[in-house]
Amino acid sequence: MAKVVVTGIGLISALGGNLEDSWQNLLAGKSGIRLHQPFPEFTPLPLGLIGQQPSELTMLTQMVVASALQDSGLVSHVPDCAVVIGSSRSYQASWEIMARQMYKDAANLPMSSFGNWLHTLPHMNAIATARQIGASGIVLAPMAACATGIWAIAQAALLIQTGQCQQAIAGAVEAPITPLTLAGFQQMGALAKTGAYPFDLHREGLVLGEGAAVFVLESAELAKQRQAKVYGEILGFGLTNDAYHANSPEPEGESAIAAIKQCLERSCLSPTDIDYIHAHGTATQLNDQMESMVIQRLFPQGVAVSSTKGSSGHTLGASGALGVAFSLMALKHQILPPCVGLQQPEFDLDIVTSARLSKIRQVLCCSFGFGGQNAAIVLAR
């Protein structure tokens, strides 16, 4: 099986408009979360917005794909590149605008007023990326709730490992700040009122954020051939589903444990080989409780842990991809990023509270999505 390496990263988040700014702000313990009121029908809420207004999916994707290609030293036209770009909300914002138009003036609306609605089908973001880079090979558009980002990277890695392509652009993009998304999470009682505090005794829930992280993946052979810089290697991944509940994690964490065990086995590693865990850490009561229990059970020797959602917000489908980007930066710079927002830990974990230098060889990055979608990936120097 071909070795898979990461040679380019594009990242845009509430923390910064590019990878370097986001990383530096994260290390400084800053947060991109602010009180915003993007829609008059909602009181101000803490949100991780990139600009002053909610971002638009198409623009966000174009920008992040262009910066990933530029970072990898590739030209803008890569016909043999596979495309695996996921999103959990996709074009929902466009659908909500169309729905409002329909209800407001249903009788008099000509079909033409909906523009080309075909462009807003859930998989069209991946197709748009293929068009942008002139790719004519495999295009995949995974949707696995908050596990989408890691899922997309795993699918792309598999295509390269099995020799179906030498190069893939993979990741996830999320522009989820819409009235319906906010109302849904609010109804669930999952939204925080002041901020995101992962693993904290006084955590209130998640803070929605928007963001995108996209990677250029290549076979180690091709990367060497073109003398590309390498951020790290993808050793293995684990994907499971606990088929338990629409939005609550299975309380015993059996399926999450299975995903991590599967991931470690495929990476030919044991738990003691992991130097850092980038946790999902949503700052909701149930996720942080389940995830802490899983980490304690699988890593009794203790391992450095942090979640970056206190600084970027929870970017839903893109959160795992952002996590992978920050994990690769941790490997590159040998610095553990802090768990921003944590004041008083509730769990007995080695949580990184401020950036610290550390010898890091292997990193585990986890995502646990609604519907029991569990994803884990191991990255190495």
Protein backbone atom coordinates (compact mmCIF):
# COMPACT_ATOMS: atom_id res chain seq x y z
CA MET A 1 0.00 0.00 0.00
CA ALA A 2 1.29 3.43 -0.95
CA LYS A 3 2.34 5.80 1.84
CA VAL A 4 0.20 8.94 2.00
CA VAL A 5 1.61 12.33 2.95
CA VAL A 6 0.15 15.84 3.30
CA THR A 7 1.94 18.43 1.16
CA GLY A 8 -0.45 21.39 1.32
CA ILE A 9 -2.92 22.91 3.78
CA GLY A 10 -5.53 25.61 3.25
CA LEU A 11 -7.37 26.86 6.32
CA ILE A 12 -9.81 29.69 6.98
CA SER A 13 -11.49 30.09 10.35
CA ALA A 14 -12.84 32.64 12.82
CA LEU A 15 -9.28 32.59 14.22
CA GLY A 16 -7.72 33.88 11.02
CA GLY A 17 -8.01 34.17 7.23
CA ASN A 18 -5.20 31.66 6.63
CA LEU A 19 -3.35 28.75 8.23
CA GLU A 20 -0.48 30.76 9.76
CA ASP A 21 -2.71 33.44 11.34
CA SER A 22 -5.13 30.84 12.72
CA TRP A 23 -2.22 28.84 14.19
CA GLN A 24 -0.48 31.86 15.76
CA ASN A 25 -3.73 33.10 17.31
CA LEU A 26 -4.47 29.63 18.64
CA LEU A 27 -1.02 29.37 20.26
CA ALA A 28 -1.53 32.80 21.83
CA GLY A 29 -4.73 31.48 23.45
CA LYS A 30 -6.95 33.84 21.45
CA SER A 31 -10.53 33.11 20.45
CA GLY A 32 -12.39 34.08 17.29
CA ILE A 33 -15.72 33.76 19.12
CA ARG A 34 -17.68 37.01 19.59
CA LEU A 35 -21.27 38.00 20.33
CA HIS A 36 -23.06 38.51 17.01
CA GLN A 37 -26.61 39.09 15.87
CA PRO A 38 -26.62 38.13 12.18
CA PHE A 39 -30.40 37.68 12.09
CA PRO A 40 -32.86 40.12 13.73
CA GLU A 41 -35.12 37.29 14.96
CA PHE A 42 -32.38 36.03 17.31
CA THR A 43 -30.89 37.75 20.35
CA PRO A 44 -27.08 38.15 20.11
CA LEU A 45 -25.24 34.82 20.38
CA PRO A 46 -21.58 33.82 20.69
CA LEU A 47 -20.52 32.74 17.18
CA GLY A 48 -17.28 31.99 15.37
CA LEU A 49 -17.73 34.16 12.27
CA ILE A 50 -14.93 34.70 9.76
CA GLY A 51 -16.15 38.21 8.85
CA GLN A 52 -18.87 40.46 10.21
CA GLN A 53 -21.61 38.59 8.33
CA PRO A 54 -22.10 34.84 7.72
CA SER A 55 -19.83 33.50 4.97
CA GLU A 56 -21.01 32.07 1.69
CA LEU A 57 -20.10 28.43 0.95
CA THR A 58 -18.97 28.83 -2.68
CA MET A 59 -16.59 31.71 -1.92
CA LEU A 60 -15.20 29.98 1.16
CA THR A 61 -14.49 26.80 -0.84
CA GLN A 62 -12.78 28.64 -3.70
CA MET A 63 -10.51 30.51 -1.31
CA VAL A 64 -9.49 27.52 0.80
CA VAL A 65 -8.86 25.25 -2.23
CA ALA A 66 -6.71 27.94 -3.88
CA SER A 67 -4.61 28.38 -0.74
CA ALA A 68 -4.12 24.59 -0.29
CA LEU A 69 -2.87 24.29 -3.89
CA GLN A 70 -0.60 27.30 -3.50
CA ASP A 71 0.81 25.92 -0.25
CA SER A 72 1.63 22.59 -1.91
CA GLY A 73 3.44 24.28 -4.80
CA LEU A 74 1.02 22.86 -7.37
CA VAL A 75 -0.30 24.83 -10.30
CA SER A 76 -3.98 25.73 -10.36
CA HIS A 77 -4.76 23.05 -12.98
CA VAL A 78 -4.40 19.45 -11.71
CA PRO A 79 -6.40 17.12 -14.01
CA ASP A 80 -5.36 13.82 -12.34
CA CYS A 81 -6.23 14.94 -8.80
CA ALA A 82 -9.07 13.19 -6.96
CA VAL A 83 -11.49 15.51 -5.14
CA VAL A 84 -13.03 14.63 -1.77
CA ILE A 85 -14.75 17.70 -0.33
CA GLY A 86 -17.40 17.22 2.34
CA SER A 87 -19.83 19.41 4.22
CA SER A 88 -22.55 18.62 6.74
CA ARG A 89 -24.79 21.63 5.99
CA SER A 90 -23.66 22.26 2.42
CA TYR A 91 -25.96 24.81 0.69
CA GLN A 92 -28.57 24.95 3.43
CA ALA A 93 -28.28 28.77 3.59
CA SER A 94 -29.32 29.00 -0.08
CA TRP A 95 -32.25 26.65 0.51
CA GLU A 96 -33.49 28.78 3.40
CA ILE A 97 -33.42 31.92 1.22
CA MET A 98 -35.36 30.06 -1.50
CA ALA A 99 -37.88 28.76 1.01
CA ARG A 100 -38.47 32.26 2.37
CA GLN A 101 -39.05 33.55 -1.16
CA MET A 102 -41.50 30.74 -1.84
CA TYR A 103 -43.58 31.28 1.29
CA LYS A 104 -43.60 35.04 0.92
CA ASP A 105 -44.87 35.12 -2.64
CA ALA A 106 -45.78 31.56 -3.61
CA ALA A 107 -48.49 32.51 -6.14
CA ASN A 108 -46.48 35.00 -8.20
CA LEU A 109 -42.99 33.51 -8.21
CA PRO A 110 -41.73 32.43 -11.64
CA MET A 111 -39.34 29.43 -11.58
CA SER A 112 -36.57 31.67 -12.94
CA SER A 113 -36.40 33.53 -9.64
CA PHE A 114 -34.73 30.48 -8.05
CA GLY A 115 -31.68 30.80 -10.29
CA ASN A 116 -30.07 27.47 -11.01
CA TRP A 117 -31.16 25.53 -7.91
CA LEU A 118 -29.30 22.48 -9.24
CA HIS A 119 -26.10 24.24 -8.22
CA THR A 120 -27.20 23.96 -4.59
CA LEU A 121 -27.53 20.17 -4.41
CA PRO A 122 -25.46 18.81 -1.48
CA HIS A 123 -22.66 17.34 -3.62
CA MET A 124 -22.21 20.36 -5.90
CA ASN A 125 -19.54 21.91 -3.70
CA ALA A 126 -17.20 19.01 -4.50
CA ILE A 127 -18.09 19.32 -8.21
CA ALA A 128 -17.33 23.07 -8.06
CA THR A 129 -13.87 22.23 -6.63
CA ALA A 130 -13.21 19.78 -9.47
CA ARG A 131 -14.15 22.54 -11.94
CA GLN A 132 -11.95 25.05 -10.13
CA ILE A 133 -8.81 22.88 -10.36
CA GLY A 134 -9.66 21.26 -13.71
CA ALA A 135 -9.81 17.76 -12.19
CA SER A 136 -11.50 15.06 -14.25
CA GLY A 137 -11.02 12.01 -12.00
CA ILE A 138 -12.84 10.73 -8.93
CA VAL A 139 -15.10 13.21 -7.09
CA LEU A 140 -16.61 12.31 -3.70
CA ALA A 141 -18.78 14.46 -1.41
CA PRO A 142 -19.00 12.78 2.00
CA MET A 143 -21.58 13.82 4.59
CA ALA A 144 -21.15 12.31 8.05
CA ALA A 145 -22.29 15.06 10.42
CA CYS A 146 -19.37 16.34 12.53
CA ALA A 147 -17.19 13.41 11.42
CA THR A 148 -17.25 14.64 7.78
CA GLY A 149 -13.78 16.26 7.78
CA ILE A 150 -11.86 13.21 8.97
CA TRP A 151 -14.06 10.97 6.82
CA ALA A 152 -13.14 12.99 3.69
CA ILE A 153 -9.40 12.81 4.45
CA ALA A 154 -9.68 9.06 5.15
CA GLN A 155 -11.49 8.45 1.84
CA ALA A 156 -8.84 10.40 -0.07
CA ALA A 157 -6.02 8.54 1.71
CA LEU A 158 -7.64 5.23 0.77
CA LEU A 159 -7.78 6.23 -2.92
CA ILE A 160 -4.03 6.92 -2.87
CA GLN A 161 -3.16 3.84 -0.78
CA THR A 162 -4.97 1.59 -3.23
CA GLY A 163 -3.29 3.20 -6.25
CA GLN A 164 -6.46 4.74 -7.70
CA CYS A 165 -4.72 8.11 -7.86
CA GLN A 166 -1.44 9.72 -6.84
CA GLN A 167 -2.90 12.99 -5.64
CA ALA A 168 -6.10 14.12 -3.94
CA ILE A 169 -7.49 17.35 -2.60
CA ALA A 170 -9.55 16.60 0.50
CA GLY A 171 -11.23 18.31 3.41
CA ALA A 172 -14.44 20.00 4.47
CA VAL A 173 -16.09 23.41 4.24
CA GLU A 174 -18.87 24.69 6.47
CA ALA A 175 -20.89 27.91 6.39
CA PRO A 176 -23.57 26.87 8.90
CA ILE A 177 -24.68 30.20 10.39
CA THR A 178 -28.30 30.20 9.19
CA PRO A 179 -31.58 30.88 11.03
CA LEU A 180 -32.66 27.22 10.81
CA THR A 181 -29.35 25.85 12.10
CA LEU A 182 -29.33 28.29 15.03
CA ALA A 183 -33.00 27.53 15.83
CA GLY A 184 -32.37 23.77 15.66
CA PHE A 185 -29.44 23.78 18.06
CA GLN A 186 -31.26 26.22 20.34
CA GLN A 187 -34.33 23.94 20.50
CA MET A 188 -32.02 21.08 21.44
CA GLY A 189 -30.60 23.14 24.29
CA ALA A 190 -27.11 22.60 22.85
CA LEU A 191 -26.09 26.24 22.26
CA ALA A 192 -23.86 28.12 24.69
CA LYS A 193 -24.95 31.56 25.90
CA THR A 194 -21.55 33.15 26.56
CA GLY A 195 -18.79 31.05 24.95
CA ALA A 196 -17.24 27.63 24.38
CA TYR A 197 -15.46 25.99 27.33
CA PRO A 198 -14.41 22.44 26.37
CA PHE A 199 -13.98 19.96 29.26
CA ASP A 200 -14.81 22.71 31.76
CA LEU A 201 -16.90 22.13 34.86
CA HIS A 202 -19.06 25.11 33.86
CA ARG A 203 -19.31 24.39 30.12
CA GLU A 204 -22.58 25.57 28.60
CA GLY A 205 -22.76 23.89 25.20
CA LEU A 206 -21.38 24.44 21.73
CA VAL A 207 -20.72 27.68 19.88
CA LEU A 208 -21.33 27.46 16.13
CA GLY A 209 -18.44 28.51 13.94
CA GLU A 210 -17.76 28.65 10.24
CA GLY A 211 -14.57 27.49 8.63
CA ALA A 212 -12.81 25.33 6.09
CA ALA A 213 -9.72 23.15 5.97
CA VAL A 214 -8.54 21.47 2.78
CA PHE A 215 -5.41 19.37 2.20
CA VAL A 216 -3.31 18.19 -0.70
CA LEU A 217 -2.61 14.49 -0.19
CA GLU A 218 -0.03 12.65 -2.30
CA SER A 219 1.72 9.33 -2.45
CA ALA A 220 5.10 9.66 -0.70
CA GLU A 221 6.70 8.67 -4.00
CA LEU A 222 5.17 11.57 -5.95
CA ALA A 223 5.90 14.05 -3.15
CA LYS A 224 9.57 12.98 -3.17
CA GLN A 225 9.69 13.18 -6.95
CA ARG A 226 8.49 16.78 -6.98
CA GLN A 227 10.52 17.63 -3.84
CA ALA A 228 7.40 18.87 -2.08
CA LYS A 229 7.50 19.94 1.57
CA VAL A 230 5.73 17.39 3.77
CA TYR A 231 3.67 18.24 6.87
CA GLY A 232 3.21 14.65 7.94
CA GLU A 233 2.06 11.17 7.01
CA ILE A 234 -1.41 9.67 7.40
CA LEU A 235 -0.83 6.35 9.16
CA GLY A 236 -4.37 5.05 9.59
CA PHE A 237 -7.97 5.85 10.40
CA GLY A 238 -11.03 4.29 12.02
CA LEU A 239 -14.66 4.94 11.11
CA THR A 240 -17.61 3.48 13.03
CA ASN A 241 -21.25 4.26 13.76
CA ASP A 242 -22.99 3.44 17.03
CA ALA A 243 -26.55 3.40 15.56
CA TYR A 244 -27.81 4.58 18.94
CA HIS A 245 -29.60 7.95 18.77
CA ALA A 246 -30.13 10.93 16.43
CA ASN A 247 -28.04 13.36 18.48
CA SER A 248 -26.86 11.78 21.77
CA PRO A 249 -23.61 9.83 21.96
CA GLU A 250 -23.87 6.22 23.11
CA PRO A 251 -23.16 6.63 26.87
CA GLU A 252 -20.63 3.77 27.18
CA GLY A 253 -18.62 5.05 24.21
CA GLU A 254 -18.16 1.50 22.86
CA SER A 255 -18.34 2.56 19.22
CA ALA A 256 -16.01 5.53 19.75
CA ILE A 257 -13.53 3.15 21.43
CA ALA A 258 -13.87 0.76 18.46
CA ALA A 259 -13.04 3.59 16.01
CA ILE A 260 -9.88 4.55 17.93
CA LYS A 261 -8.78 0.91 18.35
CA GLN A 262 -9.35 0.28 14.63
CA CYS A 263 -7.34 3.40 13.85
CA LEU A 264 -4.41 2.41 16.09
CA GLU A 265 -4.37 -1.17 14.70
CA ARG A 266 -4.28 0.07 11.11
CA SER A 267 -1.48 2.45 12.07
CA CYS A 268 0.45 -0.45 13.71
CA LEU A 269 0.59 1.53 16.96
CA SER A 270 -0.40 0.99 20.58
CA PRO A 271 -1.96 3.68 22.82
CA THR A 272 1.43 4.45 24.39
CA ASP A 273 2.74 5.56 20.96
CA ILE A 274 0.35 8.53 20.85
CA ASP A 275 1.93 11.80 22.04
CA TYR A 276 -1.07 14.11 21.64
CA ILE A 277 -4.84 13.80 21.15
CA HIS A 278 -6.72 16.53 19.32
CA ALA A 279 -10.09 15.89 20.94
CA HIS A 280 -13.52 16.60 19.48
CA GLY A 281 -14.30 18.55 22.70
CA THR A 282 -17.52 20.32 21.72
CA ALA A 283 -18.12 21.77 25.24
CA THR A 284 -21.53 20.06 25.40
CA GLN A 285 -22.31 18.09 28.58
CA LEU A 286 -22.65 14.69 26.89
CA ASN A 287 -19.80 14.80 24.35
CA ASP A 288 -17.08 15.91 26.77
CA GLN A 289 -18.20 13.38 29.37
CA MET A 290 -18.20 10.47 26.90
CA GLU A 291 -14.95 11.53 25.25
CA SER A 292 -13.11 11.93 28.57
CA MET A 293 -14.21 8.47 29.62
CA VAL A 294 -13.00 7.00 26.31
CA ILE A 295 -9.59 8.70 26.60
CA GLN A 296 -9.16 7.59 30.22
CA ARG A 297 -10.06 4.02 29.34
CA LEU A 298 -7.82 3.71 26.27
CA PHE A 299 -4.89 5.85 27.49
CA PRO A 300 -4.55 5.07 31.22
CA GLN A 301 -0.89 6.16 31.09
CA GLY A 302 -2.04 9.72 30.35
CA VAL A 303 -1.56 11.71 27.16
CA ALA A 304 -1.66 15.42 26.31
CA VAL A 305 -5.16 16.45 25.17
CA SER A 306 -6.73 19.64 23.84
CA SER A 307 -9.75 20.79 21.87
CA THR A 308 -9.54 23.89 19.66
CA LYS A 309 -13.29 24.61 19.55
CA GLY A 310 -12.99 27.18 22.33
CA SER A 311 -11.07 29.33 19.84
CA SER A 312 -12.65 28.52 16.46
CA GLY A 313 -16.17 27.53 17.50
CA HIS A 314 -17.69 24.23 16.41
CA THR A 315 -17.49 24.18 12.62
CA LEU A 316 -19.66 21.03 12.39
CA GLY A 317 -18.59 19.01 9.31
CA ALA A 318 -15.35 20.99 8.96
CA SER A 319 -14.30 20.56 12.60
CA GLY A 320 -12.34 17.32 12.05
CA ALA A 321 -10.52 18.88 9.10
CA LEU A 322 -9.59 21.93 11.20
CA GLY A 323 -8.42 19.50 13.89
CA VAL A 324 -6.19 17.67 11.39
CA ALA A 325 -4.70 21.00 10.21
CA PHE A 326 -3.87 22.03 13.79
CA SER A 327 -2.50 18.53 14.53
CA LEU A 328 -0.18 18.72 11.50
CA MET A 329 1.02 22.15 12.65
CA ALA A 330 1.67 20.67 16.10
CA LEU A 331 3.81 17.95 14.45
CA LYS A 332 5.65 20.45 12.27
CA HIS A 333 6.48 22.91 15.06
CA GLN A 334 6.61 20.40 17.95
CA ILE A 335 4.18 22.58 19.93
CA LEU A 336 0.98 21.41 21.63
CA PRO A 337 -1.91 23.85 21.04
CA PRO A 338 -3.91 24.95 24.10
CA CYS A 339 -7.51 24.14 25.05
CA VAL A 340 -8.77 27.74 24.85
CA GLY A 341 -11.76 28.51 27.11
CA LEU A 342 -10.93 25.94 29.77
CA GLN A 343 -10.82 27.46 33.28
CA GLN A 344 -11.74 24.65 35.65
CA PRO A 345 -11.29 21.12 34.28
CA GLU A 346 -13.99 18.62 35.22
CA PHE A 347 -12.06 15.53 34.11
CA ASP A 348 -8.82 13.88 35.15
CA LEU A 349 -6.99 14.40 31.84
CA ASP A 350 -3.65 15.95 30.92
CA ILE A 351 -5.29 18.96 29.23
CA VAL A 352 -2.95 21.46 27.56
CA THR A 353 -3.92 24.83 29.05
CA SER A 354 -1.25 26.94 27.36
CA ALA A 355 0.91 26.20 24.30
CA ARG A 356 3.86 24.03 25.24
CA LEU A 357 6.90 22.61 23.48
CA SER A 358 6.85 18.84 23.37
CA LYS A 359 8.36 15.92 21.48
CA ILE A 360 5.52 14.88 19.17
CA ARG A 361 5.82 11.94 16.78
CA GLN A 362 2.27 10.59 16.48
CA VAL A 363 -1.00 12.48 16.90
CA LEU A 364 -4.53 11.11 17.19
CA CYS A 365 -7.36 13.35 15.99
CA CYS A 366 -10.99 12.45 16.81
CA SER A 367 -14.49 13.51 15.72
CA PHE A 368 -17.80 12.26 17.06
CA GLY A 369 -20.82 13.33 15.04
CA PHE A 370 -24.59 13.31 15.41
CA GLY A 371 -26.16 9.98 14.53
CA GLY A 372 -23.22 8.26 16.24
CA GLN A 373 -20.68 8.88 13.46
CA ASN A 374 -17.22 8.28 14.96
CA ALA A 375 -13.95 9.04 13.20
CA ALA A 376 -10.31 8.85 14.28
CA ILE A 377 -7.12 9.43 12.33
CA VAL A 378 -3.42 9.11 13.20
CA LEU A 379 -0.85 11.49 11.75
CA ALA A 380 2.91 11.08 12.07
CA ARG A 381 6.05 13.14 11.48
